[in-house]
Amino acid sequence: MPDLGSLHILINHFPVILTVVGAAAAVLALFVRKRGLWLYATATLFLAGLSVIPTFLTGDPAAEQMRDTWYVTRQAIRAHDESAGWTLWGLIIMGLIAAYAWWRAYRRETVVVAGAVHTDAGDVPAEAKVRAVVGLPVWLRVLVVFSALFGCALVYRTASLGGDILHHSTVLEQTPRPASVPAPAPDPRHR
């Protein structure tokens, strides 16, 4: 069983991928106007909002493991941690909006349809109550797409700062390679 710091590395991509895929599906659903696509987009964005919670909670144990590592700067960890706090709340709000929209897109409403039923007395149109799928209101569709795109911006920034902790370590870039680490083999294609 991995420790919490290692678990962070395993699960930190879920909020990113789910937010990006959900946002793309929501934007596409604006133009295609298919109920199934709205259901997929809102469910995916809701799952992104859920997955950010364990990712955030395992972030501090991961940071503790990296604090005494010689090639990691505290500034890189602090920047990622501050961004993660904003991303946590942004994706939770996005997930709640998506959950409400998902419920609205899934349920059937009772609607009154005028002229749907004819009475026996002279074929005068009357009203009928029908259980039908009613599309999402425009304001809710716009809110889902806006929150998803904002969520994409949040996860992009947080993921970039997380990658900077190790992949773009200023200490590693400025420190010469230790003698115990062999030099990389030359690429045979560049001879």
C-alpha atoms as a PDB file:
ATOM      1  CA  MET A   1       0.000   0.000   0.000  1.00  0.00           C
ATOM      2  CA  PRO A   2       1.497   3.338  -1.009  1.00  0.00           C
ATOM      3  CA  ASP A   3       1.895   6.078   1.565  1.00  0.00           C
ATOM      4  CA  LEU A   4      -0.115   9.296   1.248  1.00  0.00           C
ATOM      5  CA  GLY A   5       2.716  11.171  -0.484  1.00  0.00           C
ATOM      6  CA  SER A   6       3.010   8.482  -3.148  1.00  0.00           C
ATOM      7  CA  LEU A   7      -0.767   8.331  -3.434  1.00  0.00           C
ATOM      8  CA  HIS A   8      -0.756  12.031  -4.353  1.00  0.00           C
ATOM      9  CA  ILE A   9       1.477  11.276  -7.323  1.00  0.00           C
ATOM     10  CA  LEU A  10      -0.856   8.458  -8.388  1.00  0.00           C
ATOM     11  CA  ILE A  11      -4.123  10.417  -8.238  1.00  0.00           C
ATOM     12  CA  ASN A  12      -3.167  14.016  -9.058  1.00  0.00           C
ATOM     13  CA  HIS A  13      -3.970  13.610 -12.747  1.00  0.00           C
ATOM     14  CA  PHE A  14      -7.637  12.693 -12.208  1.00  0.00           C
ATOM     15  CA  PRO A  15      -8.912  16.237 -11.500  1.00  0.00           C
ATOM     16  CA  VAL A  16      -6.908  17.580 -14.443  1.00  0.00           C
ATOM     17  CA  ILE A  17      -8.059  15.020 -16.995  1.00  0.00           C
ATOM     18  CA  LEU A  18     -11.680  14.933 -15.823  1.00  0.00           C
ATOM     19  CA  THR A  19     -11.921  18.742 -15.868  1.00  0.00           C
ATOM     20  CA  VAL A  20     -10.430  19.074 -19.355  1.00  0.00           C
ATOM     21  CA  VAL A  21     -12.525  16.244 -20.831  1.00  0.00           C
ATOM     22  CA  GLY A  22     -15.695  17.476 -19.088  1.00  0.00           C
ATOM     23  CA  ALA A  23     -15.119  21.051 -20.288  1.00  0.00           C
ATOM     24  CA  ALA A  24     -14.565  19.868 -23.865  1.00  0.00           C
ATOM     25  CA  ALA A  25     -17.768  17.811 -23.718  1.00  0.00           C
ATOM     26  CA  ALA A  26     -19.720  20.770 -22.282  1.00  0.00           C
ATOM     27  CA  VAL A  27     -18.507  23.127 -25.009  1.00  0.00           C
ATOM     28  CA  LEU A  28     -19.385  20.523 -27.638  1.00  0.00           C
ATOM     29  CA  ALA A  29     -22.804  20.029 -26.028  1.00  0.00           C
ATOM     30  CA  LEU A  30     -23.509  23.750 -26.455  1.00  0.00           C
ATOM     31  CA  PHE A  31     -23.369  23.284 -30.218  1.00  0.00           C
ATOM     32  CA  VAL A  32     -24.615  19.709 -30.656  1.00  0.00           C
ATOM     33  CA  ARG A  33     -27.480  20.064 -28.134  1.00  0.00           C
ATOM     34  CA  LYS A  34     -27.703  16.382 -27.282  1.00  0.00           C
ATOM     35  CA  ARG A  35     -29.012  15.371 -23.868  1.00  0.00           C
ATOM     36  CA  GLY A  36     -26.590  12.443 -23.674  1.00  0.00           C
ATOM     37  CA  LEU A  37     -23.627  14.741 -24.173  1.00  0.00           C
ATOM     38  CA  TRP A  38     -24.856  17.062 -21.409  1.00  0.00           C
ATOM     39  CA  LEU A  39     -25.255  14.060 -19.117  1.00  0.00           C
ATOM     40  CA  TYR A  40     -21.697  12.946 -19.885  1.00  0.00           C
ATOM     41  CA  ALA A  41     -20.224  16.448 -19.475  1.00  0.00           C
ATOM     42  CA  THR A  42     -21.945  17.171 -16.190  1.00  0.00           C
ATOM     43  CA  ALA A  43     -21.168  13.731 -14.715  1.00  0.00           C
ATOM     44  CA  THR A  44     -17.505  14.099 -15.702  1.00  0.00           C
ATOM     45  CA  LEU A  45     -17.263  17.594 -14.197  1.00  0.00           C
ATOM     46  CA  PHE A  46     -18.941  16.356 -11.017  1.00  0.00           C
ATOM     47  CA  LEU A  47     -16.360  13.556 -10.751  1.00  0.00           C
ATOM     48  CA  ALA A  48     -13.597  16.122 -11.271  1.00  0.00           C
ATOM     49  CA  GLY A  49     -14.978  18.086  -8.334  1.00  0.00           C
ATOM     50  CA  LEU A  50     -14.988  14.946  -6.203  1.00  0.00           C
ATOM     51  CA  SER A  51     -11.507  13.799  -7.231  1.00  0.00           C
ATOM     52  CA  VAL A  52      -9.875  17.094  -6.274  1.00  0.00           C
ATOM     53  CA  ILE A  53     -10.599  16.460  -2.575  1.00  0.00           C
ATOM     54  CA  PRO A  54      -8.358  13.389  -2.043  1.00  0.00           C
ATOM     55  CA  THR A  55      -5.771  14.939  -4.336  1.00  0.00           C
ATOM     56  CA  PHE A  56      -5.640  18.057  -2.165  1.00  0.00           C
ATOM     57  CA  LEU A  57      -5.630  16.074   1.089  1.00  0.00           C
ATOM     58  CA  THR A  58      -2.653  13.964  -0.013  1.00  0.00           C
ATOM     59  CA  GLY A  59      -0.705  17.036  -1.146  1.00  0.00           C
ATOM     60  CA  ASP A  60       0.700  17.982   2.270  1.00  0.00           C
ATOM     61  CA  PRO A  61       2.132  14.501   2.952  1.00  0.00           C
ATOM     62  CA  ALA A  62       3.744  14.605  -0.511  1.00  0.00           C
ATOM     63  CA  ALA A  63       5.207  18.036   0.248  1.00  0.00           C
ATOM     64  CA  GLU A  64       6.601  16.774   3.569  1.00  0.00           C
ATOM     65  CA  GLN A  65       8.414  13.977   1.745  1.00  0.00           C
ATOM     66  CA  MET A  66       9.971  16.482  -0.676  1.00  0.00           C
ATOM     67  CA  ARG A  67      10.938  19.241   1.809  1.00  0.00           C
ATOM     68  CA  ASP A  68      14.345  17.777   2.697  1.00  0.00           C
ATOM     69  CA  THR A  69      15.228  16.773  -0.851  1.00  0.00           C
ATOM     70  CA  TRP A  70      18.269  18.780  -1.951  1.00  0.00           C
ATOM     71  CA  TYR A  71      17.030  19.504  -5.463  1.00  0.00           C
ATOM     72  CA  VAL A  72      13.568  20.835  -4.506  1.00  0.00           C
ATOM     73  CA  THR A  73      13.047  24.448  -3.487  1.00  0.00           C
ATOM     74  CA  ARG A  74      10.533  25.448  -0.837  1.00  0.00           C
ATOM     75  CA  GLN A  75       9.306  28.258  -3.113  1.00  0.00           C
ATOM     76  CA  ALA A  76       8.228  25.728  -5.769  1.00  0.00           C
ATOM     77  CA  ILE A  77       6.302  23.684  -3.193  1.00  0.00           C
ATOM     78  CA  ARG A  78       4.710  26.804  -1.671  1.00  0.00           C
ATOM     79  CA  ALA A  79       3.588  28.134  -5.072  1.00  0.00           C
ATOM     80  CA  HIS A  80       2.012  24.775  -5.960  1.00  0.00           C
ATOM     81  CA  ASP A  81       0.328  24.524  -2.548  1.00  0.00           C
ATOM     82  CA  GLU A  82      -1.183  28.030  -2.757  1.00  0.00           C
ATOM     83  CA  SER A  83      -2.494  27.361  -6.246  1.00  0.00           C
ATOM     84  CA  ALA A  84      -3.910  24.011  -5.092  1.00  0.00           C
ATOM     85  CA  GLY A  85      -6.041  25.782  -2.467  1.00  0.00           C
ATOM     86  CA  TRP A  86      -7.704  27.930  -5.117  1.00  0.00           C
ATOM     87  CA  THR A  87      -8.135  24.919  -7.374  1.00  0.00           C
ATOM     88  CA  LEU A  88      -9.745  22.902  -4.578  1.00  0.00           C
ATOM     89  CA  TRP A  89     -12.511  25.457  -4.015  1.00  0.00           C
ATOM     90  CA  GLY A  90     -12.903  26.265  -7.718  1.00  0.00           C
ATOM     91  CA  LEU A  91     -13.408  22.611  -8.644  1.00  0.00           C
ATOM     92  CA  ILE A  92     -15.715  21.954  -5.698  1.00  0.00           C
ATOM     93  CA  ILE A  93     -17.934  24.828  -6.875  1.00  0.00           C
ATOM     94  CA  MET A  94     -17.698  23.576 -10.470  1.00  0.00           C
ATOM     95  CA  GLY A  95     -18.620  20.071  -9.281  1.00  0.00           C
ATOM     96  CA  LEU A  96     -21.656  21.343  -7.374  1.00  0.00           C
ATOM     97  CA  ILE A  97     -22.868  23.300 -10.413  1.00  0.00           C
ATOM     98  CA  ALA A  98     -22.315  20.218 -12.574  1.00  0.00           C
ATOM     99  CA  ALA A  99     -24.149  17.989 -10.073  1.00  0.00           C
ATOM    100  CA  TYR A 100     -27.188  20.267 -10.162  1.00  0.00           C
ATOM    101  CA  ALA A 101     -27.092  20.407 -13.976  1.00  0.00           C
ATOM    102  CA  TRP A 102     -26.638  16.631 -14.151  1.00  0.00           C
ATOM    103  CA  TRP A 103     -29.730  16.165 -11.976  1.00  0.00           C
ATOM    104  CA  ARG A 104     -31.694  18.644 -14.100  1.00  0.00           C
ATOM    105  CA  ALA A 105     -30.586  16.956 -17.344  1.00  0.00           C
ATOM    106  CA  TYR A 106     -31.381  13.481 -16.021  1.00  0.00           C
ATOM    107  CA  ARG A 107     -34.811  13.967 -14.487  1.00  0.00           C
ATOM    108  CA  ARG A 108     -38.123  14.105 -16.260  1.00  0.00           C
ATOM    109  CA  GLU A 109     -40.431  17.012 -15.551  1.00  0.00           C
ATOM    110  CA  THR A 110     -44.178  17.239 -15.751  1.00  0.00           C
ATOM    111  CA  VAL A 111     -45.012  19.770 -18.431  1.00  0.00           C
ATOM    112  CA  VAL A 112     -48.347  21.115 -19.538  1.00  0.00           C
ATOM    113  CA  VAL A 113     -48.946  20.799 -23.258  1.00  0.00           C
ATOM    114  CA  ALA A 114     -51.782  22.896 -24.648  1.00  0.00           C
ATOM    115  CA  GLY A 115     -53.866  21.277 -27.366  1.00  0.00           C
ATOM    116  CA  ALA A 116     -52.445  17.824 -26.788  1.00  0.00           C
ATOM    117  CA  VAL A 117     -55.759  16.189 -25.928  1.00  0.00           C
ATOM    118  CA  HIS A 118     -59.177  16.635 -27.515  1.00  0.00           C
ATOM    119  CA  THR A 119     -62.286  16.329 -25.398  1.00  0.00           C
ATOM    120  CA  ASP A 120     -65.366  14.370 -26.410  1.00  0.00           C
ATOM    121  CA  ALA A 121     -67.496  17.528 -26.425  1.00  0.00           C
ATOM    122  CA  GLY A 122     -66.864  19.079 -29.791  1.00  0.00           C
ATOM    123  CA  ASP A 123     -63.111  18.454 -30.173  1.00  0.00           C
ATOM    124  CA  VAL A 124     -62.118  21.521 -28.173  1.00  0.00           C
ATOM    125  CA  PRO A 125     -58.390  21.470 -27.409  1.00  0.00           C
ATOM    126  CA  ALA A 126     -57.583  21.002 -23.755  1.00  0.00           C
ATOM    127  CA  GLU A 127     -54.381  20.801 -21.748  1.00  0.00           C
ATOM    128  CA  ALA A 128     -52.543  17.615 -20.929  1.00  0.00           C
ATOM    129  CA  LYS A 129     -49.878  16.920 -18.360  1.00  0.00           C
ATOM    130  CA  VAL A 130     -47.020  14.913 -19.809  1.00  0.00           C
ATOM    131  CA  ARG A 131     -43.839  13.571 -18.198  1.00  0.00           C
ATOM    132  CA  ALA A 132     -41.065  14.544 -20.557  1.00  0.00           C
ATOM    133  CA  VAL A 133     -37.361  15.296 -20.640  1.00  0.00           C
ATOM    134  CA  VAL A 134     -36.884  19.039 -20.528  1.00  0.00           C
ATOM    135  CA  GLY A 135     -33.528  20.449 -21.634  1.00  0.00           C
ATOM    136  CA  LEU A 136     -31.249  22.457 -19.404  1.00  0.00           C
ATOM    137  CA  PRO A 137     -32.084  26.146 -19.225  1.00  0.00           C
ATOM    138  CA  VAL A 138     -29.699  28.403 -21.122  1.00  0.00           C
ATOM    139  CA  TRP A 139     -28.416  30.080 -17.944  1.00  0.00           C
ATOM    140  CA  LEU A 140     -27.442  26.699 -16.497  1.00  0.00           C
ATOM    141  CA  ARG A 141     -25.701  25.563 -19.678  1.00  0.00           C
ATOM    142  CA  VAL A 142     -23.684  28.791 -19.737  1.00  0.00           C
ATOM    143  CA  LEU A 143     -22.841  28.431 -16.045  1.00  0.00           C
ATOM    144  CA  VAL A 144     -21.632  24.843 -16.543  1.00  0.00           C
ATOM    145  CA  VAL A 145     -19.404  25.830 -19.468  1.00  0.00           C
ATOM    146  CA  PHE A 146     -18.041  28.933 -17.725  1.00  0.00           C
ATOM    147  CA  SER A 147     -17.233  27.042 -14.509  1.00  0.00           C
ATOM    148  CA  ALA A 148     -15.633  24.216 -16.507  1.00  0.00           C
ATOM    149  CA  LEU A 149     -13.399  26.600 -18.475  1.00  0.00           C
ATOM    150  CA  PHE A 150     -12.458  28.403 -15.260  1.00  0.00           C
ATOM    151  CA  GLY A 151     -11.702  24.981 -13.737  1.00  0.00           C
ATOM    152  CA  CYS A 152      -9.436  24.216 -16.696  1.00  0.00           C
ATOM    153  CA  ALA A 153      -7.467  27.396 -16.036  1.00  0.00           C
ATOM    154  CA  LEU A 154      -7.139  26.497 -12.354  1.00  0.00           C
ATOM    155  CA  VAL A 155      -5.944  22.929 -12.947  1.00  0.00           C
ATOM    156  CA  TYR A 156      -3.538  24.087 -15.673  1.00  0.00           C
ATOM    157  CA  ARG A 157      -1.851  26.545 -13.306  1.00  0.00           C
ATOM    158  CA  THR A 158      -1.695  24.114 -10.398  1.00  0.00           C
ATOM    159  CA  ALA A 159      -0.416  21.247 -12.553  1.00  0.00           C
ATOM    160  CA  SER A 160       2.224  23.491 -14.135  1.00  0.00           C
ATOM    161  CA  LEU A 161       3.456  24.609 -10.729  1.00  0.00           C
ATOM    162  CA  GLY A 162       3.452  20.984  -9.550  1.00  0.00           C
ATOM    163  CA  GLY A 163       5.574  19.997 -12.509  1.00  0.00           C
ATOM    164  CA  ASP A 164       7.985  22.827 -11.724  1.00  0.00           C
ATOM    165  CA  ILE A 165       8.761  21.231  -8.354  1.00  0.00           C
ATOM    166  CA  LEU A 166      10.788  18.515 -10.020  1.00  0.00           C
ATOM    167  CA  HIS A 167      10.774  18.761 -13.794  1.00  0.00           C
ATOM    168  CA  HIS A 168      12.007  22.358 -13.907  1.00  0.00           C
ATOM    169  CA  SER A 169      13.939  22.411 -10.640  1.00  0.00           C
ATOM    170  CA  THR A 170      16.174  25.493 -10.624  1.00  0.00           C
ATOM    171  CA  VAL A 171      18.580  23.653  -8.316  1.00  0.00           C
ATOM    172  CA  LEU A 172      18.941  20.751 -10.759  1.00  0.00           C
ATOM    173  CA  GLU A 173      19.388  23.117 -13.693  1.00  0.00           C
ATOM    174  CA  GLN A 174      22.222  24.972 -11.927  1.00  0.00           C
ATOM    175  CA  THR A 175      23.924  21.996 -10.291  1.00  0.00           C
ATOM    176  CA  PRO A 176      26.456  19.933 -12.229  1.00  0.00           C
ATOM    177  CA  ARG A 177      25.776  16.229 -12.649  1.00  0.00           C
ATOM    178  CA  PRO A 178      27.230  14.184  -9.766  1.00  0.00           C
ATOM    179  CA  ALA A 179      30.215  12.036 -10.734  1.00  0.00           C
ATOM    180  CA  SER A 180      28.355   8.895  -9.651  1.00  0.00           C
ATOM    181  CA  VAL A 181      25.657   9.489 -12.291  1.00  0.00           C
ATOM    182  CA  PRO A 182      26.755   8.271 -15.741  1.00  0.00           C
ATOM    183  CA  ALA A 183      26.504  10.663 -18.664  1.00  0.00           C
ATOM    184  CA  PRO A 184      23.658   9.932 -21.076  1.00  0.00           C
ATOM    185  CA  ALA A 185      24.610   7.868 -24.117  1.00  0.00           C
ATOM    186  CA  PRO A 186      24.836   9.901 -27.335  1.00  0.00           C
ATOM    187  CA  ASP A 187      21.882   9.578 -29.675  1.00  0.00           C
ATOM    188  CA  PRO A 188      22.983   7.520 -32.737  1.00  0.00           C
ATOM    189  CA  ARG A 189      20.666   9.538 -34.995  1.00  0.00           C
ATOM    190  CA  HIS A 190      22.738  12.700 -34.474  1.00  0.00           C
ATOM    191  CA  ARG A 191      26.115  11.439 -35.748  1.00  0.00           C
END
